[in-house]
Amino acid sequence: MKTKHTIILFILGLGIDMIGGLLKILHLPGANVLLIIGTTCQVTGLILFGYKVLTHPKLRDFLNQ
């Protein structure tokens, strides 16, 4: 998975989370499911992004400067 895919997954999670929050405020059904899906997408995206950043070979060169 490329880094841009992890960022897209995180942004998609943000959008789903915002829609779920709006539905929760309006007391409409399905809000809890959207909030869970959105949060799961955000956490997965951040974990994958962190893994990609930490395993990148040039990160050590950048940190040592």
N, C-alpha and C. Protein backbone atom coordinates (compact mmCIF):
# COMPACT_ATOMS: atom_id res chain seq x y z
N MET A 1 0.84 -1.17 0.00
CA MET A 1 0.00 0.00 0.00
C MET A 1 0.89 1.24 0.00
N LYS A 2 0.60 2.17 -0.88
CA LYS A 2 1.39 3.39 -0.97
C LYS A 2 0.99 4.38 0.11
N THR A 3 1.85 5.35 0.32
CA THR A 3 1.59 6.35 1.35
C THR A 3 0.35 7.17 1.03
N LYS A 4 0.14 7.47 -0.25
CA LYS A 4 -1.03 8.27 -0.60
C LYS A 4 -2.33 7.51 -0.30
N HIS A 5 -2.28 6.18 -0.36
CA HIS A 5 -3.47 5.39 -0.04
C HIS A 5 -3.80 5.48 1.45
N THR A 6 -2.77 5.54 2.29
CA THR A 6 -3.03 5.66 3.72
C THR A 6 -3.61 7.03 4.06
N ILE A 7 -3.15 8.06 3.36
CA ILE A 7 -3.68 9.41 3.58
C ILE A 7 -5.12 9.48 3.09
N ILE A 8 -5.41 8.86 1.96
CA ILE A 8 -6.79 8.83 1.45
C ILE A 8 -7.69 8.08 2.41
N LEU A 9 -7.21 6.98 2.98
CA LEU A 9 -8.00 6.22 3.95
C LEU A 9 -8.30 7.07 5.18
N PHE A 10 -7.32 7.84 5.65
CA PHE A 10 -7.53 8.71 6.80
C PHE A 10 -8.55 9.81 6.48
N ILE A 11 -8.43 10.43 5.32
CA ILE A 11 -9.36 11.50 4.95
C ILE A 11 -10.77 10.94 4.74
N LEU A 12 -10.87 9.76 4.17
CA LEU A 12 -12.17 9.11 4.02
C LEU A 12 -12.79 8.85 5.39
N GLY A 13 -11.97 8.41 6.34
CA GLY A 13 -12.45 8.20 7.70
C GLY A 13 -12.94 9.49 8.33
N LEU A 14 -12.24 10.59 8.07
CA LEU A 14 -12.68 11.89 8.59
C LEU A 14 -14.05 12.27 8.04
N GLY A 15 -14.23 12.06 6.74
CA GLY A 15 -15.52 12.39 6.13
C GLY A 15 -16.65 11.55 6.68
N ILE A 16 -16.42 10.27 6.81
CA ILE A 16 -17.45 9.38 7.36
C ILE A 16 -17.75 9.75 8.80
N ASP A 17 -16.70 10.10 9.54
CA ASP A 17 -16.87 10.50 10.94
C ASP A 17 -17.70 11.78 11.06
N MET A 18 -17.47 12.72 10.17
CA MET A 18 -18.23 13.97 10.19
C MET A 18 -19.71 13.73 9.87
N ILE A 19 -19.96 12.90 8.89
CA ILE A 19 -21.34 12.57 8.55
C ILE A 19 -22.01 11.84 9.70
N GLY A 20 -21.30 10.92 10.32
CA GLY A 20 -21.83 10.20 11.48
C GLY A 20 -22.12 11.13 12.64
N GLY A 21 -21.25 12.11 12.86
CA GLY A 21 -21.48 13.09 13.91
C GLY A 21 -22.70 13.95 13.63
N LEU A 22 -22.88 14.34 12.38
CA LEU A 22 -24.07 15.11 12.01
C LEU A 22 -25.34 14.30 12.22
N LEU A 23 -25.30 13.03 11.82
CA LEU A 23 -26.47 12.18 12.02
C LEU A 23 -26.74 11.95 13.50
N LYS A 24 -25.68 11.89 14.30
CA LYS A 24 -25.83 11.71 15.75
C LYS A 24 -26.50 12.94 16.37
N ILE A 25 -26.10 14.13 15.92
CA ILE A 25 -26.70 15.35 16.43
C ILE A 25 -28.18 15.41 16.06
N LEU A 26 -28.51 14.96 14.86
CA LEU A 26 -29.90 14.99 14.41
C LEU A 26 -30.72 13.80 14.90
N HIS A 27 -30.09 12.91 15.68
CA HIS A 27 -30.75 11.72 16.24
C HIS A 27 -31.34 10.82 15.15
N LEU A 28 -30.61 10.66 14.07
CA LEU A 28 -31.05 9.79 12.99
C LEU A 28 -30.41 8.41 13.14
N PRO A 29 -31.08 7.38 12.65
CA PRO A 29 -30.52 6.03 12.79
C PRO A 29 -29.28 5.83 11.91
N GLY A 30 -28.43 4.96 12.36
CA GLY A 30 -27.22 4.63 11.61
C GLY A 30 -26.01 5.47 11.98
N ALA A 31 -26.19 6.41 12.88
CA ALA A 31 -25.08 7.29 13.24
C ALA A 31 -23.97 6.53 13.95
N ASN A 32 -24.34 5.64 14.85
CA ASN A 32 -23.33 4.88 15.60
C ASN A 32 -22.46 4.04 14.68
N VAL A 33 -23.07 3.43 13.69
CA VAL A 33 -22.32 2.59 12.75
C VAL A 33 -21.34 3.44 11.95
N LEU A 34 -21.79 4.61 11.49
CA LEU A 34 -20.90 5.48 10.73
C LEU A 34 -19.75 5.99 11.58
N LEU A 35 -20.01 6.30 12.84
CA LEU A 35 -18.94 6.76 13.71
C LEU A 35 -17.91 5.66 13.94
N ILE A 36 -18.36 4.43 14.11
CA ILE A 36 -17.43 3.32 14.31
C ILE A 36 -16.61 3.07 13.05
N ILE A 37 -17.26 3.08 11.89
CA ILE A 37 -16.54 2.85 10.62
C ILE A 37 -15.54 3.97 10.36
N GLY A 38 -15.96 5.22 10.59
CA GLY A 38 -15.08 6.36 10.36
C GLY A 38 -13.87 6.34 11.27
N THR A 39 -14.09 6.04 12.54
CA THR A 39 -12.97 5.99 13.48
C THR A 39 -12.03 4.83 13.15
N THR A 40 -12.58 3.71 12.74
CA THR A 40 -11.74 2.58 12.34
C THR A 40 -10.88 2.92 11.13
N CYS A 41 -11.45 3.62 10.16
CA CYS A 41 -10.68 4.03 8.99
C CYS A 41 -9.57 5.00 9.38
N GLN A 42 -9.86 5.93 10.28
CA GLN A 42 -8.85 6.88 10.71
C GLN A 42 -7.69 6.19 11.43
N VAL A 43 -8.02 5.32 12.35
CA VAL A 43 -6.97 4.62 13.11
C VAL A 43 -6.14 3.74 12.18
N THR A 44 -6.79 3.02 11.29
CA THR A 44 -6.07 2.17 10.35
C THR A 44 -5.16 3.00 9.46
N GLY A 45 -5.66 4.12 8.95
CA GLY A 45 -4.85 5.00 8.11
C GLY A 45 -3.65 5.55 8.84
N LEU A 46 -3.84 5.97 10.10
CA LEU A 46 -2.72 6.51 10.87
C LEU A 46 -1.69 5.45 11.21
N ILE A 47 -2.14 4.25 11.55
CA ILE A 47 -1.19 3.18 11.86
C ILE A 47 -0.38 2.81 10.61
N LEU A 48 -1.04 2.67 9.48
CA LEU A 48 -0.32 2.34 8.25
C LEU A 48 0.62 3.46 7.83
N PHE A 49 0.19 4.71 7.99
CA PHE A 49 1.04 5.85 7.65
C PHE A 49 2.27 5.89 8.56
N GLY A 50 2.07 5.67 9.84
CA GLY A 50 3.20 5.63 10.77
C GLY A 50 4.17 4.53 10.44
N TYR A 51 3.65 3.37 10.08
CA TYR A 51 4.51 2.26 9.70
C TYR A 51 5.32 2.60 8.45
N LYS A 52 4.67 3.22 7.46
CA LYS A 52 5.37 3.58 6.23
C LYS A 52 6.46 4.60 6.51
N VAL A 53 6.18 5.57 7.37
CA VAL A 53 7.16 6.61 7.67
C VAL A 53 8.34 6.02 8.45
N LEU A 54 8.05 5.19 9.44
CA LEU A 54 9.13 4.66 10.27
C LEU A 54 10.00 3.63 9.55
N THR A 55 9.46 2.96 8.55
CA THR A 55 10.25 1.96 7.84
C THR A 55 10.91 2.52 6.58
N HIS A 56 10.72 3.80 6.31
CA HIS A 56 11.33 4.39 5.12
C HIS A 56 12.85 4.46 5.33
N PRO A 57 13.64 4.05 4.32
CA PRO A 57 15.09 3.97 4.53
C PRO A 57 15.75 5.33 4.72
N LYS A 58 15.22 6.38 4.18
CA LYS A 58 15.87 7.69 4.29
C LYS A 58 15.45 8.45 5.54
N LEU A 59 14.60 7.87 6.36
CA LEU A 59 14.18 8.54 7.60
C LEU A 59 15.36 8.69 8.55
N ARG A 60 16.20 7.68 8.65
CA ARG A 60 17.35 7.75 9.56
C ARG A 60 18.33 8.82 9.12
N ASP A 61 18.51 8.96 7.81
CA ASP A 61 19.40 10.02 7.32
C ASP A 61 18.83 11.39 7.65
N PHE A 62 17.54 11.55 7.52
CA PHE A 62 16.90 12.82 7.82
C PHE A 62 16.99 13.14 9.32
N LEU A 63 16.78 12.15 10.17
CA LEU A 63 16.83 12.38 11.61
C LEU A 63 18.25 12.63 12.12
N ASN A 64 19.25 12.11 11.43
CA ASN A 64 20.64 12.28 11.86
C ASN A 64 21.23 13.62 11.45
N GLN A 65 20.57 14.40 10.63
CA GLN A 65 21.12 15.69 10.19
C GLN A 65 20.97 16.73 11.25
